[in-house]
């Protein structure tokens, strides 16, 4: 149990260090992507689906 906790803490520390190394533009793109995914998920339909415009926005952000 203690080994797993140490492993998880180590993984989290490496994630934080990787986040510090990323540029602010990469962070901004990730935030925009997550906000867009949230708007798609909040649609009224029972199961949200990505439309072609949603895919175009995500492709533009990732490209």
PDB file of N, CA and C in Angstrom:
ATOM      1  N   UNK A   1       0.829  -1.192   0.000  1.00  0.00           N
ATOM      2  CA  UNK A   1       0.000   0.000   0.000  1.00  0.00           C
ATOM      3  C   UNK A   1       0.869   1.249   0.000  1.00  0.00           C
ATOM      4  N   UNK A   2       1.913   1.263   0.819  1.00  0.00           N
ATOM      5  CA  UNK A   2       2.798   2.434   0.902  1.00  0.00           C
ATOM      6  C   UNK A   2       3.550   2.630  -0.406  1.00  0.00           C
ATOM      7  N   UNK A   3       3.927   1.535  -1.052  1.00  0.00           N
ATOM      8  CA  UNK A   3       4.649   1.641  -2.329  1.00  0.00           C
ATOM      9  C   UNK A   3       3.749   2.264  -3.384  1.00  0.00           C
ATOM     10  N   UNK A   4       2.488   1.885  -3.408  1.00  0.00           N
ATOM     11  CA  UNK A   4       1.548   2.456  -4.374  1.00  0.00           C
ATOM     12  C   UNK A   4       1.367   3.954  -4.125  1.00  0.00           C
ATOM     13  N   UNK A   5       1.282   4.352  -2.870  1.00  0.00           N
ATOM     14  CA  UNK A   5       1.141   5.760  -2.536  1.00  0.00           C
ATOM     15  C   UNK A   5       2.365   6.552  -2.983  1.00  0.00           C
ATOM     16  N   UNK A   6       3.543   6.017  -2.744  1.00  0.00           N
ATOM     17  CA  UNK A   6       4.773   6.684  -3.182  1.00  0.00           C
ATOM     18  C   UNK A   6       4.804   6.779  -4.703  1.00  0.00           C
ATOM     19  N   UNK A   7       4.399   5.713  -5.381  1.00  0.00           N
ATOM     20  CA  UNK A   7       4.356   5.714  -6.843  1.00  0.00           C
ATOM     21  C   UNK A   7       3.396   6.784  -7.362  1.00  0.00           C
ATOM     22  N   UNK A   8       2.190   6.864  -6.782  1.00  0.00           N
ATOM     23  CA  UNK A   8       1.212   7.856  -7.224  1.00  0.00           C
ATOM     24  C   UNK A   8       1.691   9.277  -6.951  1.00  0.00           C
ATOM     25  N   UNK A   9       2.316   9.505  -5.817  1.00  0.00           N
ATOM     26  CA  UNK A   9       2.873  10.829  -5.524  1.00  0.00           C
ATOM     27  C   UNK A   9       3.979  11.186  -6.506  1.00  0.00           C
ATOM     28  N   UNK A  10       4.831  10.231  -6.821  1.00  0.00           N
ATOM     29  CA  UNK A  10       5.891  10.462  -7.809  1.00  0.00           C
ATOM     30  C   UNK A  10       5.322  10.803  -9.174  1.00  0.00           C
ATOM     31  N   UNK A  11       4.294  10.085  -9.589  1.00  0.00           N
ATOM     32  CA  UNK A  11       3.650  10.367 -10.882  1.00  0.00           C
ATOM     33  C   UNK A  11       3.058  11.763 -10.900  1.00  0.00           C
ATOM     34  N   UNK A  12       2.424  12.158  -9.800  1.00  0.00           N
ATOM     35  CA  UNK A  12       1.823  13.492  -9.736  1.00  0.00           C
ATOM     36  C   UNK A  12       2.891  14.578  -9.786  1.00  0.00           C
ATOM     37  N   UNK A  13       4.000  14.366  -9.117  1.00  0.00           N
ATOM     38  CA  UNK A  13       5.095  15.343  -9.150  1.00  0.00           C
ATOM     39  C   UNK A  13       5.634  15.486 -10.563  1.00  0.00           C
ATOM     40  N   UNK A  14       5.788  14.384 -11.284  1.00  0.00           N
ATOM     41  CA  UNK A  14       6.265  14.458 -12.665  1.00  0.00           C
ATOM     42  C   UNK A  14       5.257  15.171 -13.565  1.00  0.00           C
ATOM     43  N   UNK A  15       3.958  14.985 -13.312  1.00  0.00           N
ATOM     44  CA  UNK A  15       2.939  15.712 -14.085  1.00  0.00           C
ATOM     45  C   UNK A  15       3.051  17.211 -13.841  1.00  0.00           C
ATOM     46  N   UNK A  16       3.274  17.603 -12.586  1.00  0.00           N
ATOM     47  CA  UNK A  16       3.419  19.027 -12.267  1.00  0.00           C
ATOM     48  C   UNK A  16       4.660  19.605 -12.936  1.00  0.00           C
ATOM     49  N   UNK A  17       5.751  18.852 -12.930  1.00  0.00           N
ATOM     50  CA  UNK A  17       6.974  19.332 -13.577  1.00  0.00           C
ATOM     51  C   UNK A  17       6.778  19.462 -15.089  1.00  0.00           C
ATOM     52  N   UNK A  18       6.062  18.523 -15.673  1.00  0.00           N
ATOM     53  CA  UNK A  18       5.783  18.607 -17.111  1.00  0.00           C
ATOM     54  C   UNK A  18       4.899  19.807 -17.415  1.00  0.00           C
ATOM     55  N   UNK A  19       3.966  20.100 -16.527  1.00  0.00           N
ATOM     56  CA  UNK A  19       3.102  21.253 -16.712  1.00  0.00           C
ATOM     57  C   UNK A  19       3.905  22.549 -16.647  1.00  0.00           C
ATOM     58  N   UNK A  20       4.883  22.620 -15.762  1.00  0.00           N
ATOM     59  CA  UNK A  20       5.727  23.813 -15.669  1.00  0.00           C
ATOM     60  C   UNK A  20       6.572  24.006 -16.926  1.00  0.00           C
ATOM     61  N   UNK A  21       6.956  22.902 -17.567  1.00  0.00           N
ATOM     62  CA  UNK A  21       7.805  22.977 -18.753  1.00  0.00           C
ATOM     63  C   UNK A  21       7.028  23.362 -20.014  1.00  0.00           C
ATOM     64  N   UNK A  22       5.707  23.236 -19.982  1.00  0.00           N
ATOM     65  CA  UNK A  22       4.910  23.545 -21.164  1.00  0.00           C
ATOM     66  C   UNK A  22       4.797  25.046 -21.369  1.00  0.00           C
ATOM     67  N   UNK A  23       4.651  25.425 -22.612  1.00  0.00           N
ATOM     68  CA  UNK A  23       4.508  26.843 -22.918  1.00  0.00           C
ATOM     69  C   UNK A  23       3.106  27.318 -22.569  1.00  0.00           C
ATOM     70  N   UNK A  24       2.954  28.613 -22.466  1.00  0.00           N
ATOM     71  CA  UNK A  24       1.644  29.159 -22.136  1.00  0.00           C
ATOM     72  C   UNK A  24       0.678  28.976 -23.301  1.00  0.00           C
ATOM     73  N   UNK A  25       1.179  28.957 -24.532  1.00  0.00           N
ATOM     74  CA  UNK A  25       0.309  28.737 -25.694  1.00  0.00           C
ATOM     75  C   UNK A  25      -0.288  27.330 -25.654  1.00  0.00           C
ATOM     76  N   UNK A  26       0.516  26.343 -25.285  1.00  0.00           N
ATOM     77  CA  UNK A  26       0.019  24.969 -25.196  1.00  0.00           C
ATOM     78  C   UNK A  26      -1.043  24.852 -24.109  1.00  0.00           C
ATOM     79  N   UNK A  27      -0.837  25.544 -23.003  1.00  0.00           N
ATOM     80  CA  UNK A  27      -1.826  25.529 -21.918  1.00  0.00           C
ATOM     81  C   UNK A  27      -3.119  26.208 -22.361  1.00  0.00           C
ATOM     82  N   UNK A  28      -2.996  27.318 -23.089  1.00  0.00           N
ATOM     83  CA  UNK A  28      -4.185  28.014 -23.573  1.00  0.00           C
ATOM     84  C   UNK A  28      -4.980  27.156 -24.549  1.00  0.00           C
ATOM     85  N   UNK A  29      -4.284  26.434 -25.411  1.00  0.00           N
ATOM     86  CA  UNK A  29      -4.965  25.555 -26.367  1.00  0.00           C
ATOM     87  C   UNK A  29      -5.693  24.436 -25.632  1.00  0.00           C
ATOM     88  N   UNK A  30      -5.055  23.879 -24.599  1.00  0.00           N
ATOM     89  CA  UNK A  30      -5.704  22.820 -23.832  1.00  0.00           C
ATOM     90  C   UNK A  30      -6.956  23.342 -23.132  1.00  0.00           C
ATOM     91  N   UNK A  31      -6.882  24.553 -22.587  1.00  0.00           N
ATOM     92  CA  UNK A  31      -8.044  25.136 -21.920  1.00  0.00           C
ATOM     93  C   UNK A  31      -9.179  25.350 -22.910  1.00  0.00           C
ATOM     94  N   UNK A  32      -8.855  25.874 -24.102  1.00  0.00           N
ATOM     95  CA  UNK A  32      -9.894  26.073 -25.119  1.00  0.00           C
ATOM     96  C   UNK A  32     -10.524  24.757 -25.543  1.00  0.00           C
ATOM     97  N   UNK A  33      -9.695  23.733 -25.691  1.00  0.00           N
ATOM     98  CA  UNK A  33     -10.192  22.416 -26.087  1.00  0.00           C
ATOM     99  C   UNK A  33     -11.119  21.853 -25.011  1.00  0.00           C
ATOM    100  N   UNK A  34     -10.733  21.962 -23.767  1.00  0.00           N
ATOM    101  CA  UNK A  34     -11.565  21.444 -22.678  1.00  0.00           C
ATOM    102  C   UNK A  34     -12.874  22.220 -22.549  1.00  0.00           C
ATOM    103  N   UNK A  35     -12.829  23.536 -22.758  1.00  0.00           N
ATOM    104  CA  UNK A  35     -14.055  24.332 -22.714  1.00  0.00           C
ATOM    105  C   UNK A  35     -15.007  23.927 -23.833  1.00  0.00           C
ATOM    106  N   UNK A  36     -14.453  23.659 -25.017  1.00  0.00           N
ATOM    107  CA  UNK A  36     -15.299  23.250 -26.135  1.00  0.00           C
ATOM    108  C   UNK A  36     -15.925  21.887 -25.859  1.00  0.00           C
ATOM    109  N   UNK A  37     -15.142  20.967 -25.317  1.00  0.00           N
ATOM    110  CA  UNK A  37     -15.678  19.654 -24.982  1.00  0.00           C
ATOM    111  C   UNK A  37     -16.775  19.776 -23.929  1.00  0.00           C
ATOM    112  N   UNK A  38     -16.623  20.691 -22.991  1.00  0.00           N
ATOM    113  CA  UNK A  38     -17.638  20.899 -21.969  1.00  0.00           C
ATOM    114  C   UNK A  38     -18.930  21.425 -22.570  1.00  0.00           C
ATOM    115  N   UNK A  39     -18.846  22.345 -23.530  1.00  0.00           N
ATOM    116  CA  UNK A  39     -20.065  22.856 -24.150  1.00  0.00           C
ATOM    117  C   UNK A  39     -20.777  21.753 -24.930  1.00  0.00           C
ATOM    118  N   UNK A  40     -20.014  20.873 -25.560  1.00  0.00           N
ATOM    119  CA  UNK A  40     -20.633  19.750 -26.278  1.00  0.00           C
ATOM    120  C   UNK A  40     -21.315  18.812 -25.281  1.00  0.00           C
ATOM    121  N   UNK A  41     -20.670  18.564 -24.150  1.00  0.00           N
ATOM    122  CA  UNK A  41     -21.231  17.649 -23.154  1.00  0.00           C
ATOM    123  C   UNK A  41     -22.473  18.222 -22.481  1.00  0.00           C
ATOM    124  N   UNK A  42     -22.604  19.544 -22.450  1.00  0.00           N
ATOM    125  CA  UNK A  42     -23.738  20.161 -21.770  1.00  0.00           C
ATOM    126  C   UNK A  42     -24.950  20.336 -22.680  1.00  0.00           C
ATOM    127  N   UNK A  43     -24.875  19.864 -23.887  1.00  0.00           N
ATOM    128  CA  UNK A  43     -26.032  19.966 -24.778  1.00  0.00           C
ATOM    129  C   UNK A  43     -27.184  19.139 -24.239  1.00  0.00           C
ATOM    130  N   UNK A  44     -28.376  19.483 -24.668  1.00  0.00           N
ATOM    131  CA  UNK A  44     -29.589  18.878 -24.115  1.00  0.00           C
ATOM    132  C   UNK A  44     -29.796  17.437 -24.596  1.00  0.00           C
ATOM    133  N   UNK A  45     -29.235  17.078 -25.705  1.00  0.00           N
ATOM    134  CA  UNK A  45     -29.439  15.728 -26.245  1.00  0.00           C
ATOM    135  C   UNK A  45     -29.055  14.689 -25.198  1.00  0.00           C
ATOM    136  N   UNK A  46     -29.713  13.531 -25.248  1.00  0.00           N
ATOM    137  CA  UNK A  46     -29.406  12.507 -24.254  1.00  0.00           C
ATOM    138  C   UNK A  46     -27.947  12.032 -24.330  1.00  0.00           C
ATOM    139  N   UNK A  47     -27.417  11.956 -25.512  1.00  0.00           N
ATOM    140  CA  UNK A  47     -26.020  11.566 -25.670  1.00  0.00           C
ATOM    141  C   UNK A  47     -25.370  12.582 -26.600  1.00  0.00           C
ATOM    142  N   UNK A  48     -24.472  13.409 -26.081  1.00  0.00           N
ATOM    143  CA  UNK A  48     -23.873  14.441 -26.930  1.00  0.00           C
ATOM    144  C   UNK A  48     -23.034  13.829 -28.042  1.00  0.00           C
ATOM    145  N   UNK A  49     -23.158  14.420 -29.194  1.00  0.00           N
ATOM    146  CA  UNK A  49     -22.379  13.980 -30.353  1.00  0.00           C
ATOM    147  C   UNK A  49     -21.641  15.181 -30.916  1.00  0.00           C
ATOM    148  N   UNK A  50     -20.455  14.921 -31.430  1.00  0.00           N
ATOM    149  CA  UNK A  50     -19.680  15.979 -32.054  1.00  0.00           C
ATOM    150  C   UNK A  50     -20.180  16.205 -33.475  1.00  0.00           C
ATOM    151  N   UNK A  51     -20.482  17.446 -33.793  1.00  0.00           N
ATOM    152  CA  UNK A  51     -20.878  17.780 -35.163  1.00  0.00           C
ATOM    153  C   UNK A  51     -19.617  18.066 -35.968  1.00  0.00           C
ATOM    154  N   UNK A  52     -19.784  18.299 -37.253  1.00  0.00           N
ATOM    155  CA  UNK A  52     -18.609  18.568 -38.086  1.00  0.00           C
ATOM    156  C   UNK A  52     -17.942  19.874 -37.659  1.00  0.00           C
ATOM    157  N   UNK A  53     -18.716  20.831 -37.176  1.00  0.00           N
ATOM    158  CA  UNK A  53     -18.107  22.084 -36.731  1.00  0.00           C
ATOM    159  C   UNK A  53     -17.316  21.878 -35.440  1.00  0.00           C
ATOM    160  N   UNK A  54     -17.802  20.999 -34.557  1.00  0.00           N
ATOM    161  CA  UNK A  54     -17.050  20.681 -33.342  1.00  0.00           C
ATOM    162  C   UNK A  54     -15.712  20.037 -33.695  1.00  0.00           C
ATOM    163  N   UNK A  55     -15.746  19.116 -34.633  1.00  0.00           N
ATOM    164  CA  UNK A  55     -14.521  18.460 -35.051  1.00  0.00           C
ATOM    165  C   UNK A  55     -13.567  19.446 -35.726  1.00  0.00           C
ATOM    166  N   UNK A  56     -14.104  20.400 -36.470  1.00  0.00           N
ATOM    167  CA  UNK A  56     -13.268  21.399 -37.132  1.00  0.00           C
ATOM    168  C   UNK A  56     -12.567  22.288 -36.099  1.00  0.00           C
ATOM    169  N   UNK A  57     -13.294  22.676 -35.060  1.00  0.00           N
ATOM    170  CA  UNK A  57     -12.697  23.512 -34.005  1.00  0.00           C
ATOM    171  C   UNK A  57     -11.584  22.749 -33.314  1.00  0.00           C
ATOM    172  N   UNK A  58     -11.830  21.493 -32.964  1.00  0.00           N
ATOM    173  CA  UNK A  58     -10.801  20.711 -32.289  1.00  0.00           C
ATOM    174  C   UNK A  58      -9.606  20.462 -33.195  1.00  0.00           C
ATOM    175  N   UNK A  59      -9.843  20.209 -34.469  1.00  0.00           N
ATOM    176  CA  UNK A  59      -8.736  20.004 -35.392  1.00  0.00           C
ATOM    177  C   UNK A  59      -7.908  21.280 -35.547  1.00  0.00           C
ATOM    178  N   UNK A  60      -8.567  22.424 -35.579  1.00  0.00           N
ATOM    179  CA  UNK A  60      -7.843  23.693 -35.693  1.00  0.00           C
ATOM    180  C   UNK A  60      -7.005  23.955 -34.448  1.00  0.00           C
ATOM    181  N   UNK A  61      -7.550  23.630 -33.276  1.00  0.00           N
ATOM    182  CA  UNK A  61      -6.800  23.834 -32.037  1.00  0.00           C
ATOM    183  C   UNK A  61      -5.607  22.882 -31.923  1.00  0.00           C
ATOM    184  N   UNK A  62      -5.775  21.678 -32.406  1.00  0.00           N
ATOM    185  CA  UNK A  62      -4.703  20.698 -32.305  1.00  0.00           C
ATOM    186  C   UNK A  62      -3.672  20.836 -33.420  1.00  0.00           C
ATOM    187  N   UNK A  63      -4.062  21.465 -34.518  1.00  0.00           N
ATOM    188  CA  UNK A  63      -3.164  21.555 -35.679  1.00  0.00           C
ATOM    189  C   UNK A  63      -2.242  22.636 -35.621  1.00  0.00           C
TER     190      UNK A  63
END
